[in-house]
Protein backbone atom coordinates (compact mmCIF):
# COMPACT_ATOMS: atom_id res chain seq x y z
CA MET A 1 16.36 9.32 11.20
CA LYS A 2 13.10 7.96 12.48
CA ASN A 3 13.12 4.38 13.66
CA ALA A 4 9.48 3.85 12.88
CA ASP A 5 6.95 3.61 10.00
CA GLY A 6 6.22 7.03 8.76
CA PHE A 7 3.69 5.77 6.32
CA GLY A 8 1.01 8.28 5.37
CA THR A 9 -2.21 8.47 7.32
CA ALA A 10 -5.89 9.74 6.89
CA ARG A 11 -8.86 10.48 9.13
CA VAL A 12 -12.07 8.94 7.84
CA PRO A 13 -15.35 10.89 8.14
CA TRP A 14 -18.46 8.72 8.90
CA GLY A 15 -20.45 9.91 5.86
CA LEU A 16 -17.65 8.75 3.45
CA VAL A 17 -17.37 5.44 5.26
CA ALA A 18 -21.17 4.79 4.88
CA ALA A 19 -20.96 5.82 1.11
CA THR A 20 -17.90 3.78 0.27
CA GLY A 21 -19.10 0.79 2.23
CA ALA A 22 -22.41 0.73 0.25
CA ALA A 23 -20.33 0.87 -3.02
CA LEU A 24 -18.11 -1.93 -1.81
CA LEU A 25 -21.03 -4.09 -0.75
CA LEU A 26 -22.56 -3.65 -4.29
CA ALA A 27 -19.27 -4.59 -5.93
CA ALA A 28 -18.93 -7.62 -3.82
CA CYS A 29 -22.31 -9.03 -5.25
CA GLY A 30 -20.61 -9.53 -8.59
CA GLY A 31 -19.37 -12.97 -7.57
CA GLY A 32 -16.34 -14.46 -9.34
CA ASN A 33 -13.14 -15.35 -7.78
CA ASP A 34 -12.81 -12.29 -5.71
CA ASN A 35 -14.23 -13.88 -2.53
CA GLY A 36 -13.10 -17.38 -3.11
CA GLY A 37 -10.68 -18.97 -0.65
CA GLY A 38 -8.39 -21.95 -0.91
CA ASP A 39 -10.43 -23.94 -3.46
CA GLY A 40 -7.52 -24.69 -5.67
CA SER A 41 -8.72 -22.43 -8.54
CA GLY A 42 -5.23 -21.07 -8.87
CA THR A 43 -2.24 -23.00 -10.22
CA PRO A 44 0.72 -23.16 -7.88
CA ALA A 45 4.17 -22.34 -9.07
CA PRO A 46 6.05 -25.29 -10.54
CA GLY A 47 7.63 -27.52 -8.06
CA SER A 48 6.71 -29.97 -5.34
CA ILE A 49 4.80 -27.68 -3.16
CA ASP A 50 1.00 -28.04 -3.53
CA LEU A 51 -1.74 -25.55 -2.77
CA ALA A 52 -2.80 -27.37 0.40
CA GLN A 53 0.79 -27.15 1.73
CA ARG A 54 0.91 -23.46 1.04
CA VAL A 55 -2.44 -22.75 2.64
CA ALA A 56 -1.57 -24.73 5.71
CA ALA A 57 1.89 -22.98 6.16
CA ALA A 58 0.53 -19.55 5.64
CA SER A 59 -2.31 -20.17 7.96
CA ALA A 60 -0.19 -21.56 10.78
CA THR A 61 2.19 -18.59 10.40
CA ALA A 62 -0.59 -16.02 10.56
CA GLN A 63 -2.09 -17.55 13.63
CA SER A 64 1.15 -18.23 15.52
CA ALA A 65 1.43 -16.78 19.07
CA THR A 66 5.26 -16.53 19.08
CA ASN A 67 6.27 -14.91 15.72
CA ALA A 68 6.01 -11.39 14.41
CA CYS A 69 2.34 -11.83 13.71
CA ALA A 70 1.37 -12.22 17.36
CA PRO A 71 1.84 -8.49 18.32
CA ILE A 72 -0.49 -7.21 15.47
CA GLN A 73 -3.55 -9.25 16.25
CA PRO A 74 -6.29 -8.95 15.39
CA PHE A 75 -5.89 -8.66 11.60
CA PHE A 76 -7.22 -10.27 8.34
CA TRP A 77 -4.85 -11.71 5.81
CA GLU A 78 -5.01 -13.24 2.41
CA VAL A 79 -2.74 -14.63 -0.33
CA GLY A 80 -3.76 -15.23 -3.98
CA ASP A 81 -2.62 -15.18 -7.60
CA GLN A 82 -4.03 -13.41 -10.65
CA THR A 83 -6.99 -15.86 -10.74
CA GLY A 84 -8.26 -14.96 -7.22
CA ARG A 85 -7.84 -15.21 -3.48
CA LEU A 86 -6.39 -18.77 -2.68
CA ALA A 87 -6.30 -18.46 1.14
CA SER A 88 -7.35 -16.07 3.84
CA GLY A 89 -8.24 -15.78 7.55
CA SER A 90 -9.43 -13.48 10.27
CA VAL A 91 -6.94 -13.78 13.16
CA GLN A 92 -8.33 -13.01 16.52
CA SER A 93 -6.45 -11.13 19.31
CA SER A 94 -5.65 -13.10 22.47
CA GLY A 95 -8.89 -13.99 24.13
CA GLY A 96 -10.91 -11.83 21.85
CA THR A 97 -13.05 -12.21 18.69
CA ALA A 98 -12.06 -11.54 15.20
CA THR A 99 -12.71 -7.93 14.12
CA TYR A 100 -11.36 -7.82 10.53
CA THR A 101 -12.61 -9.47 7.40
CA GLY A 102 -11.91 -8.93 3.69
CA SER A 103 -14.88 -6.55 3.65
CA THR A 104 -13.95 -4.31 6.60
CA LEU A 105 -13.70 -0.73 5.44
CA MET A 106 -10.64 1.29 6.66
CA GLY A 107 -8.25 4.06 5.76
CA ILE A 108 -5.28 2.50 4.29
CA ALA A 109 -2.94 5.43 4.64
CA SER A 110 0.28 5.00 2.43
CA ALA A 111 -1.03 1.97 0.73
CA SER A 112 -2.78 4.74 -1.36
CA LYS A 113 0.65 5.53 -2.89
CA TRP A 114 0.60 2.29 -5.01
CA LEU A 115 -2.77 3.18 -6.30
CA TYR A 116 -1.71 6.61 -7.39
CA GLY A 117 1.47 5.26 -9.05
CA ALA A 118 -0.48 2.76 -10.89
CA TYR A 119 -3.06 5.45 -11.94
CA VAL A 120 -0.20 7.55 -13.50
CA VAL A 121 1.44 4.62 -15.25
CA GLN A 122 -1.93 3.61 -16.76
CA ARG A 123 -2.76 7.21 -17.68
CA ARG A 124 0.71 7.64 -19.39
CA GLN A 125 0.28 4.19 -21.16
CA GLY A 126 3.41 2.98 -19.48
CA GLN A 127 5.56 5.92 -20.69
CA LEU A 128 6.57 7.96 -17.79
CA SER A 129 8.40 11.24 -18.17
CA ASP A 130 11.48 12.03 -16.20
CA GLU A 131 9.38 14.52 -14.23
CA ASP A 132 6.80 11.72 -13.41
CA VAL A 133 9.69 9.47 -12.14
CA LYS A 134 11.18 12.32 -10.11
CA PHE A 135 7.85 12.99 -8.34
CA LEU A 136 6.85 9.40 -7.94
CA THR A 137 10.13 8.34 -6.45
CA PHE A 138 9.93 11.17 -3.97
CA ARG A 139 12.93 13.20 -5.11
CA SER A 140 10.98 16.36 -6.31
CA GLY A 141 11.98 18.71 -3.39
CA TYR A 142 8.39 19.22 -2.12
CA THR A 143 9.19 18.02 1.39
CA TYR A 144 7.17 20.35 3.69
CA PHE A 145 3.72 18.64 3.24
CA SER A 146 1.69 18.39 6.44
CA ARG A 147 -1.88 17.39 5.61
CA CYS A 148 -4.95 18.04 3.63
CA LEU A 149 -8.51 18.89 4.98
CA PRO A 150 -11.52 16.63 4.07
CA GLY A 151 -13.32 19.43 2.14
CA GLN A 152 -10.50 20.64 0.06
CA THR A 153 -9.67 20.14 -3.69
CA VAL A 154 -6.14 18.93 -4.66
CA ASP A 155 -5.29 22.59 -5.45
CA GLU A 156 -6.49 23.87 -2.11
CA CYS A 157 -4.55 21.26 -0.31
CA VAL A 158 -1.38 22.11 -2.10
CA ALA A 159 -1.91 25.85 -1.15
CA TYR A 160 -2.54 24.87 2.44
CA GLN A 161 0.09 25.76 5.16
CA ASN A 162 3.60 24.92 3.70
CA ASN A 163 2.43 22.11 1.36
CA ASP A 164 3.57 23.93 -1.70
CA VAL A 165 6.90 25.07 -0.26
CA TYR A 166 9.87 23.78 -2.54
CA SER A 167 13.26 22.76 -0.89
CA PRO A 168 16.20 23.06 -3.15
CA ALA A 169 18.23 21.17 -0.61
CA THR A 170 16.15 18.01 -1.04
CA ASP A 171 15.61 18.20 -4.75
CA GLY A 172 16.98 15.06 -6.39
CA ARG A 173 17.25 13.22 -3.00
CA PHE A 174 14.75 10.72 -1.72
CA SER A 175 12.59 12.00 1.07
CA TYR A 176 9.43 10.15 2.02
CA GLY A 177 6.30 12.18 2.27
CA GLY A 178 3.06 13.18 0.70
CA GLY A 179 3.99 16.52 -0.94
CA HIS A 180 5.53 14.87 -4.03
CA MET A 181 2.27 13.20 -5.17
CA GLU A 182 0.15 15.99 -4.16
CA LYS A 183 2.06 18.56 -6.28
CA HIS A 184 2.33 16.00 -9.08
CA ALA A 185 -1.45 15.63 -9.19
CA ALA A 186 -1.89 19.38 -9.23
CA LEU A 187 0.50 19.58 -12.14
CA SER A 188 -1.27 16.79 -13.94
CA GLY A 189 -4.60 18.56 -14.00
CA LEU A 190 -6.16 17.01 -10.96
CA GLY A 191 -6.11 20.25 -9.05
CA PRO A 192 -9.92 20.94 -9.24
CA LEU A 193 -10.88 17.55 -7.89
CA ASP A 194 -12.35 17.04 -4.41
CA SER A 195 -12.30 13.68 -2.67
CA ALA A 196 -15.25 12.32 -4.62
CA GLY A 197 -13.72 13.49 -7.85
CA LEU A 198 -10.43 11.88 -7.06
CA ALA A 199 -11.93 8.53 -6.57
CA ALA A 200 -13.75 8.68 -9.86
CA GLU A 201 -10.60 9.73 -11.60
CA MET A 202 -8.59 6.95 -10.15
CA GLN A 203 -11.17 4.42 -11.27
CA SER A 204 -11.15 5.79 -14.83
CA GLN A 205 -7.78 4.28 -15.06
CA LEU A 206 -7.72 1.49 -12.64
CA GLY A 207 -11.26 0.26 -13.31
CA THR A 208 -14.49 0.60 -11.29
CA ASP A 209 -14.00 -2.75 -9.88
CA VAL A 210 -11.15 -1.18 -7.70
CA VAL A 211 -13.76 0.35 -5.34
CA MET A 212 -12.37 3.16 -3.15
CA GLY A 213 -13.14 6.52 -1.63
CA TYR A 214 -11.06 9.35 -0.18
CA SER A 215 -11.30 10.79 3.27
CA GLN A 216 -9.36 13.74 2.11
CA PRO A 217 -7.87 14.73 -1.35
CA GLN A 218 -4.46 13.36 -0.37
CA LEU A 219 -3.07 11.15 -3.06
CA ALA A 220 -0.34 9.65 -0.87
CA GLY A 221 -2.50 8.71 2.10
CA GLY A 222 -6.16 9.40 1.75
CA VAL A 223 -7.90 6.22 0.38
CA VAL A 224 -10.60 4.41 2.09
CA THR A 225 -11.25 0.86 0.94
CA ASN A 226 -10.87 -2.81 2.15
CA ALA A 227 -8.83 -5.98 1.45
CA ASP A 228 -11.49 -7.33 -1.10
CA ALA A 229 -11.14 -4.19 -3.28
CA TYR A 230 -7.33 -3.77 -2.90
CA GLY A 231 -7.06 -7.54 -3.86
CA VAL A 232 -8.78 -6.74 -7.19
CA PHE A 233 -6.12 -4.17 -7.72
CA LEU A 234 -3.27 -6.49 -7.04
CA ARG A 235 -4.74 -9.30 -9.19
CA LYS A 236 -5.04 -6.76 -12.05
CA ILE A 237 -1.43 -5.92 -11.71
CA LEU A 238 -0.38 -9.60 -11.75
CA SER A 239 -2.58 -10.44 -14.88
CA GLY A 240 -1.17 -7.46 -16.85
CA GLN A 241 -4.51 -5.71 -17.04
CA LEU A 242 -2.72 -2.80 -15.35
CA LEU A 243 0.56 -1.57 -16.74
CA MET A 244 2.00 -1.30 -13.27
CA ARG A 245 3.13 -4.95 -13.76
CA GLY A 246 5.74 -3.76 -16.04
CA ALA A 247 6.60 -0.83 -13.66
CA LEU A 248 7.23 -2.90 -10.54
CA GLY A 249 10.63 -2.10 -9.36
CA GLN A 250 11.16 0.52 -12.30
CA ASP A 251 13.42 3.33 -11.63
CA ALA A 252 13.99 2.33 -8.07
CA VAL A 253 16.01 4.67 -5.89
CA CYS A 254 18.13 4.26 -2.76
CA THR A 255 16.32 5.38 0.36
CA ASN A 256 18.42 4.75 3.53
CA PRO A 257 20.63 7.83 4.41
CA THR A 258 22.92 5.73 6.50
CA THR A 259 23.76 3.27 3.53
CA CYS A 260 22.94 5.18 0.42
CA PRO A 261 25.64 7.17 -1.56
CA PRO A 262 26.17 10.61 0.04
CA GLY A 263 23.61 13.10 -0.93
CA THR A 264 21.10 10.78 -2.42
CA ALA A 265 18.59 10.25 0.45
CA VAL A 266 17.24 12.46 3.22
CA HIS A 267 14.53 10.65 5.06
CA THR A 268 12.98 7.14 5.09
CA PRO A 269 10.35 5.70 7.46
CA ILE A 270 11.95 2.27 7.37
CA PRO A 271 14.34 1.52 10.40
CA GLU A 272 17.93 2.24 9.49
CA SER A 273 18.84 -1.54 9.85
CA GLU A 274 16.93 -2.03 6.54
CA SER A 275 17.88 -0.76 3.13
CA TYR A 276 15.01 -0.93 0.63
CA HIS A 277 14.60 0.90 -2.67
CA TYR A 278 11.58 2.90 -3.69
CA ALA A 279 10.17 2.58 -7.07
CA ILE A 280 6.90 4.13 -8.71
CA GLY A 281 4.66 4.54 -5.65
CA HIS A 282 5.89 1.36 -3.94
CA TRP A 283 8.75 -0.25 -1.97
CA VAL A 284 11.20 -2.85 -3.31
CA GLU A 285 12.05 -4.99 -0.27
CA ASP A 286 15.58 -5.81 -1.47
CA ASP A 287 17.60 -5.23 1.71
CA PRO A 288 20.91 -7.25 1.03
CA ASN A 289 20.63 -9.11 4.29
CA ASN A 290 16.91 -9.71 4.92
CA GLY A 291 15.03 -8.81 1.67
CA ASP A 292 13.34 -11.06 -0.77
CA GLY A 293 12.79 -8.48 -3.53
CA ALA A 294 8.96 -8.21 -2.94
CA PHE A 295 7.06 -5.08 -3.89
CA SER A 296 4.82 -3.48 -1.24
CA SER A 297 3.21 -0.30 0.04
CA ALA A 298 2.54 -0.35 3.77
CA GLY A 299 0.46 2.15 5.52
CA ALA A 300 0.75 3.70 9.04
CA PHE A 301 -2.47 2.09 10.37
CA GLY A 302 -1.04 -1.36 9.51
CA PHE A 303 -2.46 -2.12 6.00
CA TYR A 304 0.17 -4.09 4.10
CA PRO A 305 -0.28 -5.14 0.47
CA TRP A 306 2.45 -7.07 -1.36
CA ILE A 307 3.46 -8.85 -4.68
CA ASP A 308 6.28 -11.31 -4.54
CA ALA A 309 9.53 -10.77 -6.60
CA GLY A 310 8.41 -13.37 -9.18
CA LYS A 311 5.18 -11.49 -9.86
CA THR A 312 3.19 -14.74 -9.17
CA TRP A 313 1.52 -14.16 -5.81
CA TYR A 314 0.12 -11.29 -3.94
CA GLY A 315 -0.90 -10.85 -0.31
CA ILE A 316 -2.56 -8.32 2.09
CA ILE A 317 -2.61 -7.79 5.90
CA ALA A 318 -5.56 -5.52 6.72
CA ARG A 319 -6.05 -3.86 10.10
CA LYS A 320 -6.40 -0.35 11.36
CA ASP A 321 -4.46 0.56 14.53
CA THR A 322 -4.16 4.30 15.32
CA SER A 323 -2.75 3.88 18.79
CA ALA A 324 0.49 5.78 19.49
CA ILE A 325 0.09 7.80 16.33
CA SER A 326 0.44 11.40 17.54
CA ASP A 327 -1.40 12.93 14.63
CA PRO A 328 -3.63 10.80 12.34
CA ASP A 329 -3.56 13.56 9.70
CA ASP A 330 0.22 13.82 9.43
CA PRO A 331 1.48 11.45 6.74
CA ASP A 332 4.88 11.30 8.31
CA SER A 333 3.74 10.44 11.80
CA ALA A 334 5.01 7.11 13.31
CA GLY A 335 2.71 4.18 12.52
CA HIS A 336 2.29 0.51 12.37
CA GLY A 337 2.97 -0.48 8.84
CA TYR A 338 6.44 -1.87 9.49
CA ALA A 339 5.06 -4.27 12.11
CA SER A 340 2.41 -5.48 9.69
CA ALA A 341 5.19 -5.93 7.06
CA ARG A 342 7.19 -8.15 9.41
CA CYS A 343 4.21 -10.44 9.77
CA GLY A 344 3.42 -10.26 6.06
CA GLN A 345 6.97 -11.14 5.07
CA LEU A 346 6.68 -14.35 7.31
CA ILE A 347 3.36 -15.29 5.64
CA ARG A 348 4.84 -14.64 2.18
CA LYS A 349 7.81 -17.01 2.96
CA ALA A 350 5.68 -19.61 4.44
CA TRP A 351 3.46 -19.57 1.30
CA ILE A 352 6.29 -19.83 -1.15
CA SER A 353 8.22 -22.37 0.85
CA GLY A 354 5.33 -24.51 2.19
CA VAL A 355 7.02 -24.28 5.63
CA PRO A 356 5.37 -22.38 8.57
CA GLY A 357 7.38 -19.53 9.94
């Protein structure tokens, strides 16, 4: 079992970066709460902790030089509720300048999975079939996926190398990887779509305000976007505009081969010291010793989005670090999502408690 984050990855062509960046810039001109920060427009959860306390605690935690946030600097972070962003910051590296903001465009690797899961839930009007659930909780048996190429369609990616090889031995058992979603997309009629077609199709269900592109037609790891756009997506979940709100934690399966019932899990990128569950395109951080029940979808480059267990708050850590990733096109290569998650968990705890961590 890998003691590292194997969250999916994607290489980003410069042409796509320019095109997607222009679209995101246009979307940002719409105003509203999307770019607001810490102005009190959201209502804190009932209790004695006010918004100023939450902002101060989260900011101190993100900027700490001694906790789990220190090793991942530089990065951008934000926390908000369904009304908008309530706090954010661009944390510098030691002795350096900040390099990430909410508008910084990047490949988000396996944070793409949550987007595809939400797309399917919306397209099915919240009524998933047993086959949908099996594919979206990574138990389909399509566990030989390697990568897609930028110019391919979904069908061409499925047919590439061993991507379409079915493994009876892993059928019905959790095995983290990109093959499940790729095959599911092909079976769902998305096979003829290339990267541009996929982005348009995702927006047909998620909304054109969730601005994104694909660097390759890989549903599980190919999205290019930024924190501003992903924040729109998370707020639409919290508000119920997207049916994913009701699917958070739905049909969650055991993922850790060392702690799950025998024969139910094969591979997880989470260190074996943690036992999370996996639901419809997202993790449930419910480890019995360290978990808080949050929902998340970390990516190998370090992009970490989350929604708290109470479905009140959302947060994002945005950065892109490809160091020590042996093959950026391999969705199961070791990455940096788990390190970002450690920092994000501290920020979440600080926000909810009002106490820096």
